[in-house]
Amino acid sequence: MKCLADDYMTRQELCEYLSIGSTTSMDLIHYRVVEAFVIGRRWLISKKSVDELLRKLPDGMSLKNLVAQAKQDGQRPRFMRVGGRSHE
């Protein structure tokens, strides 16, 4: 049986894995650059989506530039809280 930790990482793990700060990690989540959901107060990020992001990231483009591009696109995410109410 697979454990949740096999498929998802916390925000802190994401920061360490990508060598980014807390603000950039929240921007990646907020602008749907990576798939994530929250349980209580803990964000869980799909390891698969992070690996896809790294594979598809154009040469020479930083994660901050990718976030800036997502902000310009203006797409706002829908967050779903497990055990709570949905937020859009």
N, C-alpha and C. Protein backbone atom coordinates (compact mmCIF):
# COMPACT_ATOMS: atom_id res chain seq x y z
N MET A 1 0.84 -1.18 0.00
CA MET A 1 0.00 0.00 0.00
C MET A 1 0.89 1.25 0.00
N LYS A 2 0.57 2.19 -0.89
CA LYS A 2 1.36 3.41 -1.01
C LYS A 2 1.02 4.37 0.12
N CYS A 3 2.03 5.05 0.57
CA CYS A 3 1.87 6.06 1.60
C CYS A 3 1.72 7.43 0.93
N LEU A 4 0.99 8.34 1.55
CA LEU A 4 0.81 9.68 1.02
C LEU A 4 2.15 10.37 0.80
N ALA A 5 3.11 10.10 1.66
CA ALA A 5 4.44 10.72 1.56
C ALA A 5 5.18 10.28 0.31
N ASP A 6 4.78 9.16 -0.31
CA ASP A 6 5.44 8.70 -1.53
C ASP A 6 5.08 9.57 -2.73
N ASP A 7 3.90 10.18 -2.71
CA ASP A 7 3.41 10.95 -3.86
C ASP A 7 3.43 12.46 -3.64
N TYR A 8 3.55 12.91 -2.41
CA TYR A 8 3.45 14.33 -2.09
C TYR A 8 4.58 14.78 -1.19
N MET A 9 4.88 16.08 -1.26
CA MET A 9 5.88 16.67 -0.37
C MET A 9 5.28 17.90 0.28
N THR A 10 5.85 18.29 1.40
CA THR A 10 5.39 19.50 2.09
C THR A 10 6.00 20.72 1.42
N ARG A 11 5.54 21.89 1.81
CA ARG A 11 6.11 23.13 1.27
C ARG A 11 7.58 23.26 1.64
N GLN A 12 7.92 22.89 2.84
CA GLN A 12 9.32 22.97 3.28
C GLN A 12 10.20 22.05 2.43
N GLU A 13 9.70 20.85 2.15
CA GLU A 13 10.44 19.92 1.30
C GLU A 13 10.57 20.47 -0.12
N LEU A 14 9.52 21.12 -0.61
CA LEU A 14 9.56 21.74 -1.93
C LEU A 14 10.65 22.82 -1.97
N CYS A 15 10.69 23.65 -0.94
CA CYS A 15 11.71 24.71 -0.87
C CYS A 15 13.12 24.12 -0.89
N GLU A 16 13.33 23.08 -0.13
CA GLU A 16 14.65 22.44 -0.09
C GLU A 16 14.98 21.77 -1.42
N TYR A 17 14.00 21.10 -2.01
CA TYR A 17 14.21 20.36 -3.26
C TYR A 17 14.57 21.28 -4.42
N LEU A 18 13.89 22.45 -4.48
CA LEU A 18 14.10 23.39 -5.58
C LEU A 18 15.05 24.53 -5.22
N SER A 19 15.50 24.57 -3.97
CA SER A 19 16.36 25.66 -3.48
C SER A 19 15.70 27.02 -3.70
N ILE A 20 14.47 27.13 -3.22
CA ILE A 20 13.71 28.37 -3.35
C ILE A 20 13.23 28.80 -1.97
N GLY A 21 12.75 30.02 -1.89
CA GLY A 21 12.23 30.55 -0.64
C GLY A 21 10.75 30.25 -0.46
N SER A 22 10.27 30.60 0.71
CA SER A 22 8.88 30.35 1.07
C SER A 22 7.90 31.11 0.17
N THR A 23 8.23 32.35 -0.15
CA THR A 23 7.34 33.16 -0.99
C THR A 23 7.22 32.56 -2.39
N THR A 24 8.34 32.15 -2.96
CA THR A 24 8.31 31.54 -4.29
C THR A 24 7.53 30.24 -4.27
N SER A 25 7.67 29.46 -3.21
CA SER A 25 6.93 28.20 -3.13
C SER A 25 5.43 28.47 -3.09
N MET A 26 5.00 29.49 -2.34
CA MET A 26 3.57 29.82 -2.30
C MET A 26 3.09 30.35 -3.64
N ASP A 27 3.94 31.10 -4.33
CA ASP A 27 3.57 31.59 -5.66
C ASP A 27 3.39 30.43 -6.64
N LEU A 28 4.27 29.43 -6.56
CA LEU A 28 4.15 28.26 -7.43
C LEU A 28 2.82 27.55 -7.18
N ILE A 29 2.41 27.50 -5.93
CA ILE A 29 1.13 26.87 -5.56
C ILE A 29 -0.04 27.76 -5.98
N HIS A 30 0.05 29.02 -5.61
CA HIS A 30 -1.06 29.96 -5.83
C HIS A 30 -1.40 30.12 -7.30
N TYR A 31 -0.39 30.16 -8.15
CA TYR A 31 -0.63 30.36 -9.58
C TYR A 31 -0.67 29.05 -10.36
N ARG A 32 -0.88 27.96 -9.65
CA ARG A 32 -1.07 26.63 -10.25
C ARG A 32 0.08 26.16 -11.13
N VAL A 33 1.27 26.54 -10.76
CA VAL A 33 2.43 26.06 -11.49
C VAL A 33 2.69 24.60 -11.09
N VAL A 34 2.39 24.28 -9.83
CA VAL A 34 2.46 22.90 -9.34
C VAL A 34 1.10 22.53 -8.75
N GLU A 35 0.78 21.25 -8.77
CA GLU A 35 -0.48 20.79 -8.17
C GLU A 35 -0.29 20.65 -6.67
N ALA A 36 -1.25 21.19 -5.93
CA ALA A 36 -1.15 21.14 -4.47
C ALA A 36 -2.54 21.23 -3.85
N PHE A 37 -2.62 20.77 -2.62
CA PHE A 37 -3.85 20.93 -1.85
C PHE A 37 -3.45 21.07 -0.39
N VAL A 38 -4.39 21.52 0.40
CA VAL A 38 -4.10 21.78 1.80
C VAL A 38 -5.00 20.91 2.67
N ILE A 39 -4.40 20.36 3.70
CA ILE A 39 -5.13 19.62 4.72
C ILE A 39 -4.85 20.34 6.04
N GLY A 40 -5.90 20.92 6.59
CA GLY A 40 -5.69 21.74 7.79
C GLY A 40 -4.88 22.96 7.42
N ARG A 41 -3.66 23.05 7.95
CA ARG A 41 -2.77 24.16 7.63
C ARG A 41 -1.54 23.70 6.85
N ARG A 42 -1.54 22.45 6.43
CA ARG A 42 -0.36 21.89 5.76
C ARG A 42 -0.62 21.71 4.27
N TRP A 43 0.25 22.32 3.46
CA TRP A 43 0.19 22.16 2.02
C TRP A 43 0.89 20.88 1.62
N LEU A 44 0.29 20.14 0.70
CA LEU A 44 0.92 18.96 0.12
C LEU A 44 1.01 19.18 -1.38
N ILE A 45 2.21 19.01 -1.91
CA ILE A 45 2.49 19.28 -3.31
C ILE A 45 2.81 17.97 -4.01
N SER A 46 2.22 17.78 -5.18
CA SER A 46 2.43 16.56 -5.96
C SER A 46 3.88 16.49 -6.45
N LYS A 47 4.57 15.41 -6.10
CA LYS A 47 5.94 15.21 -6.56
C LYS A 47 5.97 15.05 -8.08
N LYS A 48 4.94 14.43 -8.61
CA LYS A 48 4.84 14.24 -10.05
C LYS A 48 4.78 15.58 -10.78
N SER A 49 4.00 16.53 -10.26
CA SER A 49 3.88 17.83 -10.90
C SER A 49 5.18 18.63 -10.81
N VAL A 50 5.92 18.46 -9.73
CA VAL A 50 7.21 19.13 -9.58
C VAL A 50 8.21 18.57 -10.59
N ASP A 51 8.23 17.25 -10.73
CA ASP A 51 9.14 16.64 -11.70
C ASP A 51 8.77 17.06 -13.13
N GLU A 52 7.47 17.15 -13.43
CA GLU A 52 7.02 17.62 -14.75
C GLU A 52 7.45 19.05 -14.99
N LEU A 53 7.31 19.88 -13.97
CA LEU A 53 7.71 21.27 -14.07
C LEU A 53 9.19 21.38 -14.43
N LEU A 54 10.01 20.61 -13.75
CA LEU A 54 11.45 20.66 -14.01
C LEU A 54 11.79 20.16 -15.41
N ARG A 55 11.06 19.17 -15.88
CA ARG A 55 11.28 18.65 -17.23
C ARG A 55 10.89 19.66 -18.30
N LYS A 56 9.79 20.36 -18.06
CA LYS A 56 9.24 21.27 -19.07
C LYS A 56 9.79 22.69 -18.97
N LEU A 57 10.53 23.00 -17.92
CA LEU A 57 11.06 24.34 -17.73
C LEU A 57 12.02 24.68 -18.85
N PRO A 58 11.74 25.75 -19.62
CA PRO A 58 12.63 26.11 -20.73
C PRO A 58 14.04 26.43 -20.25
N ASP A 59 15.01 26.12 -21.07
CA ASP A 59 16.41 26.41 -20.73
C ASP A 59 16.57 27.90 -20.43
N GLY A 60 17.26 28.19 -19.36
CA GLY A 60 17.55 29.57 -19.01
C GLY A 60 16.44 30.28 -18.26
N MET A 61 15.27 29.66 -18.10
CA MET A 61 14.17 30.31 -17.38
C MET A 61 14.21 29.90 -15.91
N SER A 62 14.18 30.90 -15.05
CA SER A 62 14.17 30.60 -13.62
C SER A 62 12.73 30.38 -13.14
N LEU A 63 12.61 29.80 -11.96
CA LEU A 63 11.27 29.58 -11.40
C LEU A 63 10.57 30.91 -11.12
N LYS A 64 11.34 31.92 -10.72
CA LYS A 64 10.74 33.24 -10.47
C LYS A 64 10.19 33.84 -11.75
N ASN A 65 10.89 33.64 -12.86
CA ASN A 65 10.38 34.13 -14.15
C ASN A 65 9.12 33.38 -14.54
N LEU A 66 9.09 32.08 -14.25
CA LEU A 66 7.91 31.27 -14.55
C LEU A 66 6.71 31.76 -13.74
N VAL A 67 6.94 32.10 -12.48
CA VAL A 67 5.87 32.62 -11.63
C VAL A 67 5.40 33.97 -12.17
N ALA A 68 6.34 34.82 -12.57
CA ALA A 68 5.98 36.13 -13.12
C ALA A 68 5.12 35.97 -14.38
N GLN A 69 5.46 35.00 -15.20
CA GLN A 69 4.66 34.73 -16.40
C GLN A 69 3.26 34.25 -16.02
N ALA A 70 3.16 33.39 -15.01
CA ALA A 70 1.86 32.91 -14.56
C ALA A 70 1.02 34.06 -14.00
N LYS A 71 1.65 35.01 -13.32
CA LYS A 71 0.94 36.17 -12.79
C LYS A 71 0.38 37.01 -13.94
N GLN A 72 1.18 37.16 -14.99
CA GLN A 72 0.73 37.95 -16.14
C GLN A 72 -0.45 37.29 -16.83
N ASP A 73 -0.44 35.96 -16.88
CA ASP A 73 -1.55 35.24 -17.50
C ASP A 73 -2.85 35.46 -16.75
N GLY A 74 -2.75 35.81 -15.46
CA GLY A 74 -3.92 36.17 -14.68
C GLY A 74 -4.82 35.02 -14.26
N GLN A 75 -4.36 33.80 -14.39
CA GLN A 75 -5.19 32.67 -13.97
C GLN A 75 -5.14 32.54 -12.45
N ARG A 76 -6.30 32.58 -11.86
CA ARG A 76 -6.40 32.42 -10.41
C ARG A 76 -6.82 30.99 -10.11
N PRO A 77 -6.20 30.41 -9.12
CA PRO A 77 -6.49 29.02 -8.81
C PRO A 77 -7.74 28.84 -7.96
N ARG A 78 -8.18 27.62 -7.92
CA ARG A 78 -9.21 27.20 -6.97
C ARG A 78 -8.51 26.32 -5.96
N PHE A 79 -8.63 26.68 -4.72
CA PHE A 79 -8.05 25.84 -3.68
C PHE A 79 -9.16 25.05 -3.02
N MET A 80 -8.88 23.80 -2.77
CA MET A 80 -9.87 22.97 -2.09
C MET A 80 -9.30 22.56 -0.75
N ARG A 81 -10.01 22.87 0.27
CA ARG A 81 -9.60 22.47 1.61
C ARG A 81 -10.26 21.13 1.93
N VAL A 82 -9.45 20.20 2.36
CA VAL A 82 -9.96 18.90 2.78
C VAL A 82 -10.34 19.03 4.25
N GLY A 83 -11.58 18.70 4.55
CA GLY A 83 -12.05 18.84 5.92
C GLY A 83 -12.52 20.24 6.23
N GLY A 84 -12.64 21.07 5.24
CA GLY A 84 -13.09 22.44 5.44
C GLY A 84 -13.90 22.88 4.24
N ARG A 85 -14.02 24.16 4.08
CA ARG A 85 -14.81 24.66 2.96
C ARG A 85 -13.91 24.94 1.76
N SER A 86 -14.50 24.93 0.59
CA SER A 86 -13.75 25.20 -0.65
C SER A 86 -13.57 26.70 -0.81
N HIS A 87 -12.44 27.06 -1.37
CA HIS A 87 -12.14 28.47 -1.64
C HIS A 87 -11.82 28.62 -3.11
N GLU A 88 -12.27 29.70 -3.69
CA GLU A 88 -11.94 29.99 -5.09
C GLU A 88 -11.27 31.32 -5.17
